[in-house]
Amino acid sequence: MGIFWDLMQQDELDAQKQKAESIEDRVTNLELELEKTRTILKKTLQALESHLQKDIDGDGKTGV
């Protein structure tokens, strides 16, 4: 019975490891997507400030 218990535990450990790696991959992908979104948002804000000639984000500059 002991060998079956060991096999079950090893299977569970392998499943948890795979799940953890999957989560790490998802976090990495989410971080990359967040960086892309921030870049697009910054470019959009700069274009909008340049177009309106108004400081929208409160940094004291327009479009820079």
PDB file of N, CA and C in Angstrom:
ATOM      1  N   MET A   1       0.820  -1.197   0.000  1.00  0.00           N
ATOM      2  CA  MET A   1       0.000   0.000   0.000  1.00  0.00           C
ATOM      3  C   MET A   1       0.864   1.262   0.000  1.00  0.00           C
ATOM      4  N   GLY A   2       2.047   1.155   0.613  1.00  0.00           N
ATOM      5  CA  GLY A   2       2.926   2.315   0.712  1.00  0.00           C
ATOM      6  C   GLY A   2       3.387   2.827  -0.635  1.00  0.00           C
ATOM      7  N   ILE A   3       3.681   1.924  -1.566  1.00  0.00           N
ATOM      8  CA  ILE A   3       4.152   2.350  -2.879  1.00  0.00           C
ATOM      9  C   ILE A   3       3.051   3.090  -3.643  1.00  0.00           C
ATOM     10  N   PHE A   4       1.810   2.660  -3.471  1.00  0.00           N
ATOM     11  CA  PHE A   4       0.700   3.348  -4.136  1.00  0.00           C
ATOM     12  C   PHE A   4       0.518   4.747  -3.563  1.00  0.00           C
ATOM     13  N   TRP A   5       0.679   4.858  -2.253  1.00  0.00           N
ATOM     14  CA  TRP A   5       0.571   6.173  -1.604  1.00  0.00           C
ATOM     15  C   TRP A   5       1.668   7.103  -2.128  1.00  0.00           C
ATOM     16  N   ASP A   6       2.891   6.582  -2.242  1.00  0.00           N
ATOM     17  CA  ASP A   6       4.004   7.370  -2.773  1.00  0.00           C
ATOM     18  C   ASP A   6       3.735   7.815  -4.207  1.00  0.00           C
ATOM     19  N   LEU A   7       3.198   6.923  -5.019  1.00  0.00           N
ATOM     20  CA  LEU A   7       2.872   7.268  -6.403  1.00  0.00           C
ATOM     21  C   LEU A   7       1.789   8.347  -6.464  1.00  0.00           C
ATOM     22  N   MET A   8       0.799   8.235  -5.596  1.00  0.00           N
ATOM     23  CA  MET A   8      -0.272   9.239  -5.563  1.00  0.00           C
ATOM     24  C   MET A   8       0.290  10.595  -5.146  1.00  0.00           C
ATOM     25  N   GLN A   9       1.164  10.602  -4.145  1.00  0.00           N
ATOM     26  CA  GLN A   9       1.761  11.855  -3.690  1.00  0.00           C
ATOM     27  C   GLN A   9       2.636  12.471  -4.786  1.00  0.00           C
ATOM     28  N   GLN A  10       3.418  11.637  -5.461  1.00  0.00           N
ATOM     29  CA  GLN A  10       4.274  12.139  -6.529  1.00  0.00           C
ATOM     30  C   GLN A  10       3.440  12.721  -7.666  1.00  0.00           C
ATOM     31  N   ASP A  11       2.346  12.075  -8.001  1.00  0.00           N
ATOM     32  CA  ASP A  11       1.447  12.576  -9.032  1.00  0.00           C
ATOM     33  C   ASP A  11       0.879  13.934  -8.629  1.00  0.00           C
ATOM     34  N   GLU A  12       0.499  14.060  -7.370  1.00  0.00           N
ATOM     35  CA  GLU A  12      -0.043  15.341  -6.877  1.00  0.00           C
ATOM     36  C   GLU A  12       1.030  16.420  -6.899  1.00  0.00           C
ATOM     37  N   LEU A  13       2.242  16.082  -6.518  1.00  0.00           N
ATOM     38  CA  LEU A  13       3.338  17.054  -6.559  1.00  0.00           C
ATOM     39  C   LEU A  13       3.618  17.507  -7.990  1.00  0.00           C
ATOM     40  N   ASP A  14       3.611  16.569  -8.915  1.00  0.00           N
ATOM     41  CA  ASP A  14       3.823  16.916 -10.322  1.00  0.00           C
ATOM     42  C   ASP A  14       2.717  17.836 -10.839  1.00  0.00           C
ATOM     43  N   ALA A  15       1.490  17.552 -10.451  1.00  0.00           N
ATOM     44  CA  ALA A  15       0.362  18.386 -10.876  1.00  0.00           C
ATOM     45  C   ALA A  15       0.491  19.795 -10.308  1.00  0.00           C
ATOM     46  N   GLN A  16       0.895  19.911  -9.052  1.00  0.00           N
ATOM     47  CA  GLN A  16       1.067  21.227  -8.433  1.00  0.00           C
ATOM     48  C   GLN A  16       2.210  22.000  -9.087  1.00  0.00           C
ATOM     49  N   LYS A  17       3.288  21.294  -9.438  1.00  0.00           N
ATOM     50  CA  LYS A  17       4.414  21.950 -10.102  1.00  0.00           C
ATOM     51  C   LYS A  17       3.990  22.493 -11.461  1.00  0.00           C
ATOM     52  N   GLN A  18       3.257  21.696 -12.207  1.00  0.00           N
ATOM     53  CA  GLN A  18       2.784  22.127 -13.518  1.00  0.00           C
ATOM     54  C   GLN A  18       1.844  23.329 -13.380  1.00  0.00           C
ATOM     55  N   LYS A  19       0.987  23.288 -12.375  1.00  0.00           N
ATOM     56  CA  LYS A  19       0.061  24.392 -12.149  1.00  0.00           C
ATOM     57  C   LYS A  19       0.822  25.660 -11.784  1.00  0.00           C
ATOM     58  N   ALA A  20       1.851  25.540 -10.944  1.00  0.00           N
ATOM     59  CA  ALA A  20       2.654  26.700 -10.546  1.00  0.00           C
ATOM     60  C   ALA A  20       3.373  27.291 -11.747  1.00  0.00           C
ATOM     61  N   GLU A  21       3.947  26.432 -12.597  1.00  0.00           N
ATOM     62  CA  GLU A  21       4.621  26.929 -13.791  1.00  0.00           C
ATOM     63  C   GLU A  21       3.632  27.631 -14.710  1.00  0.00           C
ATOM     64  N   SER A  22       2.437  27.098 -14.801  1.00  0.00           N
ATOM     65  CA  SER A  22       1.407  27.708 -15.629  1.00  0.00           C
ATOM     66  C   SER A  22       1.045  29.093 -15.097  1.00  0.00           C
ATOM     67  N   ILE A  23       0.937  29.203 -13.786  1.00  0.00           N
ATOM     68  CA  ILE A  23       0.610  30.490 -13.170  1.00  0.00           C
ATOM     69  C   ILE A  23       1.745  31.482 -13.404  1.00  0.00           C
ATOM     70  N   GLU A  24       2.985  31.018 -13.274  1.00  0.00           N
ATOM     71  CA  GLU A  24       4.129  31.897 -13.519  1.00  0.00           C
ATOM     72  C   GLU A  24       4.128  32.395 -14.959  1.00  0.00           C
ATOM     73  N   ASP A  25       3.811  31.524 -15.891  1.00  0.00           N
ATOM     74  CA  ASP A  25       3.723  31.937 -17.296  1.00  0.00           C
ATOM     75  C   ASP A  25       2.616  32.956 -17.492  1.00  0.00           C
ATOM     76  N   ARG A  26       1.490  32.720 -16.851  1.00  0.00           N
ATOM     77  CA  ARG A  26       0.370  33.660 -16.983  1.00  0.00           C
ATOM     78  C   ARG A  26       0.731  35.022 -16.405  1.00  0.00           C
ATOM     79  N   VAL A  27       1.413  35.036 -15.260  1.00  0.00           N
ATOM     80  CA  VAL A  27       1.816  36.302 -14.638  1.00  0.00           C
ATOM     81  C   VAL A  27       2.784  37.043 -15.559  1.00  0.00           C
ATOM     82  N   THR A  28       3.735  36.318 -16.137  1.00  0.00           N
ATOM     83  CA  THR A  28       4.690  36.935 -17.064  1.00  0.00           C
ATOM     84  C   THR A  28       3.959  37.547 -18.253  1.00  0.00           C
ATOM     85  N   ASN A  29       3.021  36.802 -18.817  1.00  0.00           N
ATOM     86  CA  ASN A  29       2.245  37.322 -19.955  1.00  0.00           C
ATOM     87  C   ASN A  29       1.414  38.534 -19.558  1.00  0.00           C
ATOM     88  N   LEU A  30       0.817  38.495 -18.373  1.00  0.00           N
ATOM     89  CA  LEU A  30       0.028  39.639 -17.909  1.00  0.00           C
ATOM     90  C   LEU A  30       0.899  40.869 -17.688  1.00  0.00           C
ATOM     91  N   GLU A  31       2.109  40.662 -17.175  1.00  0.00           N
ATOM     92  CA  GLU A  31       3.024  41.788 -16.983  1.00  0.00           C
ATOM     93  C   GLU A  31       3.412  42.407 -18.320  1.00  0.00           C
ATOM     94  N   LEU A  32       3.642  41.573 -19.325  1.00  0.00           N
ATOM     95  CA  LEU A  32       3.972  42.088 -20.661  1.00  0.00           C
ATOM     96  C   LEU A  32       2.796  42.861 -21.255  1.00  0.00           C
ATOM     97  N   GLU A  33       1.603  42.307 -21.110  1.00  0.00           N
ATOM     98  CA  GLU A  33       0.408  42.990 -21.621  1.00  0.00           C
ATOM     99  C   GLU A  33       0.183  44.322 -20.905  1.00  0.00           C
ATOM    100  N   LEU A  34       0.434  44.360 -19.599  1.00  0.00           N
ATOM    101  CA  LEU A  34       0.286  45.601 -18.842  1.00  0.00           C
ATOM    102  C   LEU A  34       1.266  46.654 -19.349  1.00  0.00           C
ATOM    103  N   GLU A  35       2.498  46.255 -19.604  1.00  0.00           N
ATOM    104  CA  GLU A  35       3.490  47.195 -20.115  1.00  0.00           C
ATOM    105  C   GLU A  35       3.078  47.735 -21.480  1.00  0.00           C
ATOM    106  N   LYS A  36       2.576  46.873 -22.352  1.00  0.00           N
ATOM    107  CA  LYS A  36       2.096  47.314 -23.665  1.00  0.00           C
ATOM    108  C   LYS A  36       0.931  48.290 -23.515  1.00  0.00           C
ATOM    109  N   THR A  37       0.014  47.982 -22.611  1.00  0.00           N
ATOM    110  CA  THR A  37      -1.150  48.843 -22.387  1.00  0.00           C
ATOM    111  C   THR A  37      -0.720  50.210 -21.869  1.00  0.00           C
ATOM    112  N   ARG A  38       0.234  50.224 -20.949  1.00  0.00           N
ATOM    113  CA  ARG A  38       0.735  51.501 -20.422  1.00  0.00           C
ATOM    114  C   ARG A  38       1.389  52.333 -21.511  1.00  0.00           C
ATOM    115  N   THR A  39       2.150  51.670 -22.386  1.00  0.00           N
ATOM    116  CA  THR A  39       2.806  52.383 -23.485  1.00  0.00           C
ATOM    117  C   THR A  39       1.772  53.000 -24.420  1.00  0.00           C
ATOM    118  N   ILE A  40       0.766  52.234 -24.779  1.00  0.00           N
ATOM    119  CA  ILE A  40      -0.294  52.741 -25.657  1.00  0.00           C
ATOM    120  C   ILE A  40      -1.050  53.880 -24.983  1.00  0.00           C
ATOM    121  N   LEU A  41      -1.344  53.734 -23.700  1.00  0.00           N
ATOM    122  CA  LEU A  41      -2.056  54.785 -22.968  1.00  0.00           C
ATOM    123  C   LEU A  41      -1.241  56.071 -22.920  1.00  0.00           C
ATOM    124  N   LYS A  42       0.072  55.940 -22.690  1.00  0.00           N
ATOM    125  CA  LYS A  42       0.938  57.117 -22.633  1.00  0.00           C
ATOM    126  C   LYS A  42       0.970  57.828 -23.987  1.00  0.00           C
ATOM    127  N   LYS A  43       1.114  57.051 -25.066  1.00  0.00           N
ATOM    128  CA  LYS A  43       1.125  57.644 -26.410  1.00  0.00           C
ATOM    129  C   LYS A  43      -0.210  58.316 -26.724  1.00  0.00           C
ATOM    130  N   THR A  44      -1.298  57.685 -26.323  1.00  0.00           N
ATOM    131  CA  THR A  44      -2.629  58.251 -26.566  1.00  0.00           C
ATOM    132  C   THR A  44      -2.803  59.557 -25.797  1.00  0.00           C
ATOM    133  N   LEU A  45      -2.360  59.568 -24.553  1.00  0.00           N
ATOM    134  CA  LEU A  45      -2.465  60.784 -23.734  1.00  0.00           C
ATOM    135  C   LEU A  45      -1.631  61.909 -24.334  1.00  0.00           C
ATOM    136  N   GLN A  46      -0.420  61.591 -24.772  1.00  0.00           N
ATOM    137  CA  GLN A  46       0.427  62.609 -25.386  1.00  0.00           C
ATOM    138  C   GLN A  46      -0.223  63.180 -26.646  1.00  0.00           C
ATOM    139  N   ALA A  47      -0.781  62.321 -27.466  1.00  0.00           N
ATOM    140  CA  ALA A  47      -1.434  62.781 -28.692  1.00  0.00           C
ATOM    141  C   ALA A  47      -2.652  63.649 -28.366  1.00  0.00           C
ATOM    142  N   LEU A  48      -3.422  63.229 -27.375  1.00  0.00           N
ATOM    143  CA  LEU A  48      -4.608  63.993 -26.986  1.00  0.00           C
ATOM    144  C   LEU A  48      -4.225  65.356 -26.420  1.00  0.00           C
ATOM    145  N   GLU A  49      -3.196  65.391 -25.575  1.00  0.00           N
ATOM    146  CA  GLU A  49      -2.748  66.673 -25.026  1.00  0.00           C
ATOM    147  C   GLU A  49      -2.233  67.590 -26.132  1.00  0.00           C
ATOM    148  N   SER A  50      -1.503  67.009 -27.088  1.00  0.00           N
ATOM    149  CA  SER A  50      -1.002  67.829 -28.206  1.00  0.00           C
ATOM    150  C   SER A  50      -2.158  68.374 -29.034  1.00  0.00           C
ATOM    151  N   HIS A  51      -3.135  67.544 -29.274  1.00  0.00           N
ATOM    152  CA  HIS A  51      -4.280  67.957 -30.082  1.00  0.00           C
ATOM    153  C   HIS A  51      -5.108  69.037 -29.381  1.00  0.00           C
ATOM    154  N   LEU A  52      -5.351  68.853 -28.088  1.00  0.00           N
ATOM    155  CA  LEU A  52      -6.180  69.806 -27.345  1.00  0.00           C
ATOM    156  C   LEU A  52      -5.382  70.983 -26.798  1.00  0.00           C
ATOM    157  N   GLN A  53      -4.056  70.862 -26.817  1.00  0.00           N
ATOM    158  CA  GLN A  53      -3.191  71.874 -26.209  1.00  0.00           C
ATOM    159  C   GLN A  53      -3.608  72.128 -24.751  1.00  0.00           C
ATOM    160  N   LYS A  54      -3.808  71.039 -24.031  1.00  0.00           N
ATOM    161  CA  LYS A  54      -4.249  71.116 -22.645  1.00  0.00           C
ATOM    162  C   LYS A  54      -3.523  70.035 -21.836  1.00  0.00           C
ATOM    163  N   ASP A  55      -3.127  70.387 -20.612  1.00  0.00           N
ATOM    164  CA  ASP A  55      -2.470  69.438 -19.721  1.00  0.00           C
ATOM    165  C   ASP A  55      -3.535  68.587 -19.047  1.00  0.00           C
ATOM    166  N   ILE A  56      -3.668  67.337 -19.481  1.00  0.00           N
ATOM    167  CA  ILE A  56      -4.705  66.454 -18.961  1.00  0.00           C
ATOM    168  C   ILE A  56      -4.229  65.683 -17.742  1.00  0.00           C
ATOM    169  N   ASP A  57      -2.974  65.253 -17.764  1.00  0.00           N
ATOM    170  CA  ASP A  57      -2.498  64.391 -16.669  1.00  0.00           C
ATOM    171  C   ASP A  57      -1.878  65.164 -15.501  1.00  0.00           C
ATOM    172  N   GLY A  58      -1.829  66.466 -15.588  1.00  0.00           N
ATOM    173  CA  GLY A  58      -1.383  67.286 -14.465  1.00  0.00           C
ATOM    174  C   GLY A  58       0.119  67.326 -14.276  1.00  0.00           C
ATOM    175  N   ASP A  59       0.883  67.012 -15.319  1.00  0.00           N
ATOM    176  CA  ASP A  59       2.346  67.032 -15.168  1.00  0.00           C
ATOM    177  C   ASP A  59       2.958  68.381 -15.541  1.00  0.00           C
ATOM    178  N   GLY A  60       2.114  69.345 -15.890  1.00  0.00           N
ATOM    179  CA  GLY A  60       2.585  70.689 -16.225  1.00  0.00           C
ATOM    180  C   GLY A  60       3.031  70.842 -17.665  1.00  0.00           C
ATOM    181  N   LYS A  61       2.894  69.800 -18.461  1.00  0.00           N
ATOM    182  CA  LYS A  61       3.308  69.847 -19.863  1.00  0.00           C
ATOM    183  C   LYS A  61       2.162  69.359 -20.731  1.00  0.00           C
ATOM    184  N   THR A  62       2.174  69.789 -21.989  1.00  0.00           N
ATOM    185  CA  THR A  62       1.168  69.285 -22.922  1.00  0.00           C
ATOM    186  C   THR A  62       1.845  68.503 -24.034  1.00  0.00           C
ATOM    187  N   GLY A  63       1.474  67.258 -24.163  1.00  0.00           N
ATOM    188  CA  GLY A  63       1.944  66.421 -25.252  1.00  0.00           C
ATOM    189  C   GLY A  63       3.382  65.948 -25.145  1.00  0.00           C
ATOM    190  N   VAL A  64       4.003  66.094 -24.009  1.00  0.00           N
ATOM    191  CA  VAL A  64       5.397  65.665 -23.881  1.00  0.00           C
ATOM    192  C   VAL A  64       5.496  64.501 -22.927  1.00  0.00           C
TER     193      VAL A  64
END
